[in-house]
Protein backbone atom coordinates (compact mmCIF):
# COMPACT_ATOMS: atom_id res chain seq x y z
CA MET A 1 0.81 -37.73 25.91
CA GLU A 2 1.05 -35.25 22.95
CA LEU A 3 0.06 -31.73 22.71
CA ASN A 4 -1.81 -30.74 19.26
CA VAL A 5 -1.56 -27.40 18.22
CA SER A 6 -2.77 -26.12 15.09
CA TYR A 7 -4.02 -22.54 13.72
CA GLU A 8 -5.75 -21.43 10.50
CA SER A 9 -5.63 -17.95 9.28
CA THR A 10 -9.14 -16.62 8.16
CA SER A 11 -7.15 -14.37 5.47
CA SER A 12 -5.64 -17.45 3.59
CA THR A 13 -5.54 -21.26 3.38
CA THR A 14 -2.43 -21.45 6.04
CA LYS A 15 -2.88 -24.42 7.97
CA ARG A 16 -0.04 -25.91 10.00
CA ALA A 17 -0.44 -28.54 12.77
CA SER A 18 2.56 -29.23 14.90
CA ASN A 19 3.12 -31.79 17.99
CA VAL A 20 5.12 -30.96 21.00
CA SER A 21 5.38 -33.82 23.19
CA LEU A 22 4.24 -33.23 26.86
CA GLU A 23 7.76 -34.91 27.83
CA ASP A 24 9.67 -32.43 25.54
CA ALA A 25 7.69 -29.43 27.27
CA GLN A 26 8.23 -30.60 30.66
CA LYS A 27 12.18 -31.44 30.28
CA ASN A 28 12.81 -27.85 28.44
CA LYS A 29 10.50 -26.49 30.68
CA LEU A 30 8.63 -24.93 28.14
CA SER A 31 5.41 -22.70 29.58
CA GLY A 32 2.41 -22.39 27.40
CA LYS A 33 3.60 -18.96 26.38
CA ASP A 34 6.84 -20.43 25.46
CA ILE A 35 4.95 -22.73 23.28
CA PHE A 36 2.46 -20.29 21.90
CA ASN A 37 5.23 -17.56 21.00
CA SER A 38 6.95 -20.33 19.25
CA TYR A 39 3.94 -21.09 17.10
CA LEU A 40 3.57 -17.37 16.86
CA ALA A 41 7.06 -16.59 15.56
CA GLU A 42 6.64 -19.56 12.75
CA TYR A 43 3.22 -18.02 11.89
CA GLN A 44 4.31 -14.63 11.58
CA LYS A 45 7.46 -15.79 9.58
CA GLU A 46 5.02 -18.03 6.85
CA MET A 47 2.93 -15.04 6.63
CA THR A 48 5.59 -12.51 5.89
CA ALA A 49 6.72 -15.04 3.41
CA GLN A 50 3.34 -15.30 1.60
CA SER A 51 2.83 -11.59 1.88
CA ARG A 52 6.24 -11.02 0.19
CA ALA A 53 4.93 -13.43 -2.61
CA THR A 54 1.80 -11.78 -3.23
CA PHE A 55 3.16 -8.09 -3.39
CA GLY A 56 5.79 -9.76 -5.43
CA THR A 57 3.13 -11.34 -8.00
CA GLN A 58 1.33 -7.97 -7.70
CA ALA A 59 4.35 -5.74 -8.96
CA ASP A 60 5.02 -8.00 -11.38
CA THR A 61 1.70 -7.87 -13.03
CA PHE A 62 1.41 -4.01 -12.81
CA ARG A 63 1.30 -2.40 -16.17
CA LEU A 64 1.07 1.20 -17.00
CA ALA A 65 -1.75 0.47 -19.15
CA ASP A 66 -3.35 -0.32 -16.08
CA ILE A 67 -3.43 3.44 -15.37
CA GLY A 68 -4.57 4.35 -19.21
CA TYR A 69 -1.12 4.98 -20.40
CA THR A 70 -0.88 3.60 -24.18
CA GLY A 71 2.29 5.11 -25.46
CA LYS A 72 5.67 3.49 -25.82
CA PRO A 73 7.46 1.96 -23.25
CA ILE A 74 9.31 4.02 -21.14
CA GLY A 75 12.76 2.59 -21.74
CA GLN A 76 12.54 3.30 -25.42
CA LEU A 77 11.61 6.95 -24.98
CA THR A 78 13.77 9.62 -26.71
CA GLN A 79 14.52 12.70 -24.11
CA ASP A 80 12.19 14.63 -26.10
CA GLU A 81 9.16 12.28 -25.65
CA ALA A 82 10.23 11.61 -22.31
CA LYS A 83 9.96 15.54 -21.41
CA ALA A 84 6.40 15.54 -23.37
CA LEU A 85 4.88 13.09 -20.86
CA VAL A 86 5.76 14.98 -17.84
CA ALA A 87 4.86 18.46 -19.78
CA ASP A 88 1.79 20.35 -18.32
CA ASP A 89 -0.53 18.39 -20.65
CA GLY A 90 1.42 15.34 -20.72
CA PHE A 91 0.24 11.99 -19.39
CA PHE A 92 2.70 12.13 -16.46
CA GLY A 93 2.12 15.77 -16.30
CA ILE A 94 0.77 17.38 -13.00
CA ALA A 95 -2.66 17.83 -13.89
CA GLN A 96 -3.59 14.41 -15.20
CA THR A 97 -1.45 12.53 -12.78
CA SER A 98 -3.38 14.52 -9.99
CA ALA A 99 -6.50 13.79 -11.33
CA ARG A 100 -5.91 9.93 -11.49
CA ILE A 101 -4.64 10.05 -7.99
CA ALA A 102 -7.60 12.14 -6.69
CA ASP A 103 -10.42 10.28 -8.79
CA PHE A 104 -9.01 6.92 -7.52
CA VAL A 105 -9.70 8.25 -3.82
CA ILE A 106 -12.90 9.84 -4.70
CA ASN A 107 -14.38 6.97 -6.78
CA GLY A 108 -13.24 4.45 -4.10
CA ALA A 109 -15.09 6.49 -1.36
CA GLY A 110 -18.03 7.28 -3.29
CA ASP A 111 -20.10 9.32 -1.09
CA ASP A 112 -18.90 8.05 2.64
CA LEU A 113 -17.12 10.98 4.04
CA GLU A 114 -15.30 8.68 6.43
CA LYS A 115 -13.86 6.48 3.50
CA LEU A 116 -12.70 9.97 1.88
CA GLN A 117 -11.07 11.08 4.72
CA ALA A 118 -9.21 7.85 4.87
CA GLY A 119 -8.30 8.09 1.29
CA ARG A 120 -6.90 11.68 1.96
CA SER A 121 -4.83 10.40 5.02
CA GLY A 122 -3.77 7.25 2.92
CA MET A 123 -2.44 9.64 0.24
CA LEU A 124 -0.25 11.62 2.75
CA GLN A 125 0.84 8.21 4.30
CA GLY A 126 1.77 7.16 0.71
CA PHE A 127 3.69 10.21 -0.11
CA GLY A 128 5.75 10.22 3.05
CA GLU A 129 6.78 6.73 2.44
CA ALA A 130 7.62 7.52 -1.05
CA GLU A 131 10.04 10.66 0.49
CA LYS A 132 11.63 7.81 2.90
CA LEU A 133 12.16 5.50 -0.02
CA TRP A 134 13.74 8.26 -2.12
CA GLY A 135 15.91 8.93 0.67
CA GLU A 136 15.82 13.11 0.38
CA LYS A 137 13.59 15.56 -0.75
CA LEU A 138 11.42 14.53 -3.85
CA PRO A 139 11.65 16.20 -7.35
CA GLU A 140 9.17 19.53 -7.09
CA ILE A 141 7.11 17.96 -9.49
CA SER A 142 6.07 15.34 -6.83
CA TYR A 143 4.81 18.19 -4.13
CA THR A 144 2.94 20.21 -6.79
CA THR A 145 1.21 16.99 -8.23
CA MET A 146 0.34 16.13 -4.51
CA GLN A 147 -1.09 19.43 -3.62
CA LYS A 148 -3.31 19.29 -6.55
CA ALA A 149 -4.60 16.13 -5.93
CA LEU A 150 -5.22 17.05 -2.39
CA GLU A 151 -7.47 20.13 -3.69
CA LYS A 152 -9.35 18.16 -5.44
CA VAL A 153 -10.27 15.63 -2.74
CA ASP A 154 -10.79 18.12 -0.15
CA ALA A 155 -13.16 19.85 -2.45
CA ARG A 156 -15.03 16.61 -2.62
CA ILE A 157 -14.75 16.47 1.39
CA ALA A 158 -16.20 19.94 1.59
CA GLU A 159 -18.91 18.70 -0.96
CA LEU A 160 -20.02 16.23 1.58
CA GLY A 161 -19.83 18.49 4.30
CA GLY A 162 -16.48 17.51 5.96
CA SER A 163 -13.66 19.81 6.93
CA VAL A 164 -9.86 19.34 6.33
CA LEU A 165 -7.67 21.16 9.05
CA ASP A 166 -4.14 20.62 7.37
CA THR A 167 -4.04 21.04 3.63
CA SER A 168 -0.02 20.89 3.45
CA VAL A 169 1.56 18.14 1.99
C-alpha cells in the first residue's frame, strides 16, 4: 500500500507529491507526526530557497532611480559631490530622506489609522534591524533622519485622532 502525500502553497506555485510506502513507514516505525515533520522540513527548505531567489531578484532590480535619484552613479561621485548629496538640502540629506520615508508610510496607509500605526512600527523595526546589521551605533545622520520621519508620521497619526506614546528612535 502507498501513502500519497502532497501539499500546495496558496502563496506560490509549489506543488510536491511524494510517496512513502506503508511497509517503509512500519519498518522504520514512522508515526504520522514523523512523516508530517519530514514533509514540513522539505517544504520549509523549498520555501526558503524560493524566498532567497525572490529577494535576490528584488535586490538586483532596485535602482536609485526608483526613489527619484537621477544623478551620477554613486560609485562615480567625487568626495565633494557625495558631501553635497548628504548635505542638509541634498537628495540623501535629512530633510529629503526623512520626507521620502514618512511619505511612503503615510501614502501607503491613506486615512487608515491602524495601517499608519503599523507603518510607524515597521519604520522602527526596520531601523532596529539596520542597527543590528551595521553592528554598532549608526551614524548620527541616521538617527536624526528617522526622528524627522517619525515626527511627520506622528503628526499624521494625530490628525487622524490617534496618539503615539513612545516618540523616541
